[in-house]
Amino acid sequence: MGEADAYRYLQVLKEADGTTLLILTNLCVSKEARDAMVNYGAAAGAKMAWDRLAELLAEA
């Protein structure tokens, strides 16, 4: 199994009452793949990106 096969990404947009909810799900095919993603720092990087997006939206 190649590295690209170790993960699946699901993105869902739901619109209701004039707002849009974005749901992102990362699915790992194994504990090892999950551990590799966590050890790479993916969660910390994603948090930084979402925090920055929240700042930009607050300014809009």
Protein backbone atom coordinates (compact mmCIF):
# COMPACT_ATOMS: atom_id res chain seq x y z
CA MET A 1 0.00 0.00 0.00
CA GLY A 2 1.41 3.38 -0.98
CA GLU A 3 1.35 6.48 1.19
CA ALA A 4 -1.53 7.95 -0.84
CA ASP A 5 -3.60 4.85 -0.03
CA ALA A 6 -3.12 5.25 3.72
CA TYR A 7 -5.58 8.15 4.05
CA ARG A 8 -9.04 9.11 2.88
CA TYR A 9 -10.38 12.63 3.15
CA LEU A 10 -14.06 13.48 3.32
CA GLN A 11 -15.35 17.02 2.89
CA VAL A 12 -19.02 17.87 3.42
CA LEU A 13 -20.67 21.27 3.09
CA LYS A 14 -24.07 21.76 4.72
CA GLU A 15 -26.07 24.94 4.22
CA ALA A 16 -28.85 25.97 6.59
CA ASP A 17 -30.32 29.25 7.78
CA GLY A 18 -27.89 31.36 5.78
CA THR A 19 -24.74 29.69 7.10
CA THR A 20 -22.47 27.00 5.76
CA LEU A 21 -21.00 24.25 7.90
CA LEU A 22 -17.80 22.59 6.66
CA ILE A 23 -17.12 19.10 7.99
CA LEU A 24 -13.68 17.62 7.28
CA THR A 25 -12.85 14.04 8.18
CA ASN A 26 -9.48 12.33 7.84
CA LEU A 27 -9.75 8.56 7.77
CA CYS A 28 -6.61 6.51 8.32
CA VAL A 29 -6.51 2.91 7.19
CA SER A 30 -4.35 1.85 10.12
CA LYS A 31 -3.10 2.95 13.50
CA GLU A 32 0.35 3.35 11.99
CA ALA A 33 -0.99 5.73 9.33
CA ARG A 34 -2.80 7.72 12.02
CA ASP A 35 0.33 7.88 14.17
CA ALA A 36 2.37 9.07 11.19
CA MET A 37 -0.12 11.86 10.51
CA VAL A 38 -0.13 12.94 14.17
CA ASN A 39 3.66 12.77 14.49
CA TYR A 40 4.04 14.82 11.32
CA GLY A 41 2.23 17.66 13.08
CA ALA A 42 -0.89 17.67 10.94
CA ALA A 43 -3.20 18.50 13.86
CA ALA A 44 -1.13 21.47 14.98
CA GLY A 45 -0.84 22.79 11.43
CA ALA A 46 -4.56 22.43 10.85
CA LYS A 47 -5.34 24.28 14.09
CA MET A 48 -3.11 27.16 13.03
CA ALA A 49 -4.85 27.33 9.64
CA TRP A 50 -8.34 27.28 11.18
CA ASP A 51 -7.39 29.92 13.75
CA ARG A 52 -6.11 32.17 10.99
CA LEU A 53 -9.28 31.62 8.93
CA ALA A 54 -11.38 32.58 11.97
CA GLU A 55 -9.36 35.81 12.29
CA LEU A 56 -9.89 36.66 8.64
CA LEU A 57 -13.62 35.97 8.82
CA ALA A 58 -13.94 38.11 11.94
CA GLU A 59 -12.37 41.01 10.02
CA ALA A 60 -14.77 40.64 7.09
